[in-house]
Amino acid sequence: MPPSSTDHTDSRKTPPKTRLSRLVQPRNGLFWLLLAVNLLSLLLGWLVRAHPMPPVLAVVVTVFALGNAGLGAALAWRLMRS
């Protein structure tokens, strides 16, 4: 039987625990670490784009930036689950 228009089980709704507002937790140290890591990734990305450097150094800085972005994503996931 197809769902009726009064069916309130919409799978597209985001559960309350996964809302982005769960990221903002100023009393939690992970929140501040997340901000620092994301700022560092931003700075490293800007550095690669704005300043000419040898290709090997550009690759090293890019790898660090991507590692920081991955760490930031993991921290964000942890904050959203807490």
Protein backbone atom coordinates (compact mmCIF):
# COMPACT_ATOMS: atom_id res chain seq x y z
CA MET A 1 0.00 0.00 0.00
CA PRO A 2 1.51 3.39 -0.95
CA PRO A 3 2.10 5.89 1.86
CA SER A 4 -0.72 8.32 2.36
CA SER A 5 -0.35 12.09 2.57
CA THR A 6 -0.90 11.84 6.33
CA ASP A 7 2.07 9.51 6.80
CA HIS A 8 4.52 11.41 9.06
CA THR A 9 7.48 9.06 8.67
CA ASP A 10 9.48 11.13 6.21
CA SER A 11 12.93 9.60 5.78
CA ARG A 12 14.30 12.89 4.43
CA LYS A 13 14.01 14.60 7.81
CA THR A 14 17.27 14.92 9.70
CA PRO A 15 17.28 13.31 13.13
CA PRO A 16 17.87 15.84 15.93
CA LYS A 17 21.26 14.39 16.88
CA THR A 18 22.76 14.97 13.43
CA ARG A 19 21.88 18.63 13.07
CA LEU A 20 24.74 20.96 12.32
CA SER A 21 23.95 22.97 15.44
CA ARG A 22 25.46 20.07 17.39
CA LEU A 23 28.88 21.21 16.16
CA VAL A 24 28.83 24.43 18.19
CA GLN A 25 29.88 23.34 21.67
CA PRO A 26 32.13 26.11 23.08
CA ARG A 27 32.64 24.25 26.36
CA ASN A 28 34.00 21.20 24.57
CA GLY A 29 37.71 21.17 23.75
CA LEU A 30 37.05 19.21 20.54
CA PHE A 31 35.12 22.20 19.20
CA TRP A 32 38.13 24.50 19.59
CA LEU A 33 40.45 21.86 18.15
CA LEU A 34 38.10 21.57 15.17
CA LEU A 35 38.28 25.32 14.61
CA ALA A 36 42.09 25.34 14.86
CA VAL A 37 42.47 22.41 12.44
CA ASN A 38 40.10 23.98 9.93
CA LEU A 39 41.91 27.32 10.12
CA LEU A 40 45.22 25.55 9.59
CA SER A 41 43.80 23.75 6.53
CA LEU A 42 42.59 27.07 5.18
CA LEU A 43 46.00 28.64 5.72
CA LEU A 44 47.82 25.72 4.07
CA GLY A 45 45.49 25.79 1.08
CA TRP A 46 46.01 29.52 0.66
CA LEU A 47 49.77 29.06 0.96
CA VAL A 48 49.83 26.52 -1.89
CA ARG A 49 47.71 28.73 -4.14
CA ALA A 50 49.19 32.16 -3.37
CA HIS A 51 52.93 31.53 -3.22
CA PRO A 52 55.04 29.89 -5.89
CA MET A 53 57.01 26.98 -4.51
CA PRO A 54 58.83 23.93 -5.85
CA PRO A 55 56.47 21.11 -6.83
CA VAL A 56 57.76 18.76 -4.13
CA LEU A 57 57.10 21.33 -1.40
CA ALA A 58 53.66 22.09 -2.88
CA VAL A 59 52.80 18.37 -2.71
CA VAL A 60 53.97 18.12 0.91
CA VAL A 61 51.94 21.18 1.97
CA THR A 62 48.91 19.87 0.06
CA VAL A 63 49.16 16.49 1.81
CA PHE A 64 49.26 18.26 5.18
CA ALA A 65 46.23 20.36 4.19
CA LEU A 66 44.28 17.26 3.16
CA GLY A 67 45.28 15.48 6.37
CA ASN A 68 44.07 18.44 8.38
CA ALA A 69 40.79 18.46 6.45
CA GLY A 70 40.32 14.74 7.20
CA LEU A 71 41.07 15.30 10.87
CA GLY A 72 38.59 18.18 10.89
CA ALA A 73 35.91 15.96 9.36
CA ALA A 74 36.57 13.27 11.98
CA LEU A 75 36.35 15.84 14.79
CA ALA A 76 33.11 17.23 13.34
CA TRP A 77 31.66 13.71 13.19
CA ARG A 78 32.62 13.12 16.83
CA LEU A 79 31.05 16.39 17.92
CA MET A 80 27.83 15.64 16.07
CA ARG A 81 27.60 12.22 17.69
CA SER A 82 28.24 13.46 21.24
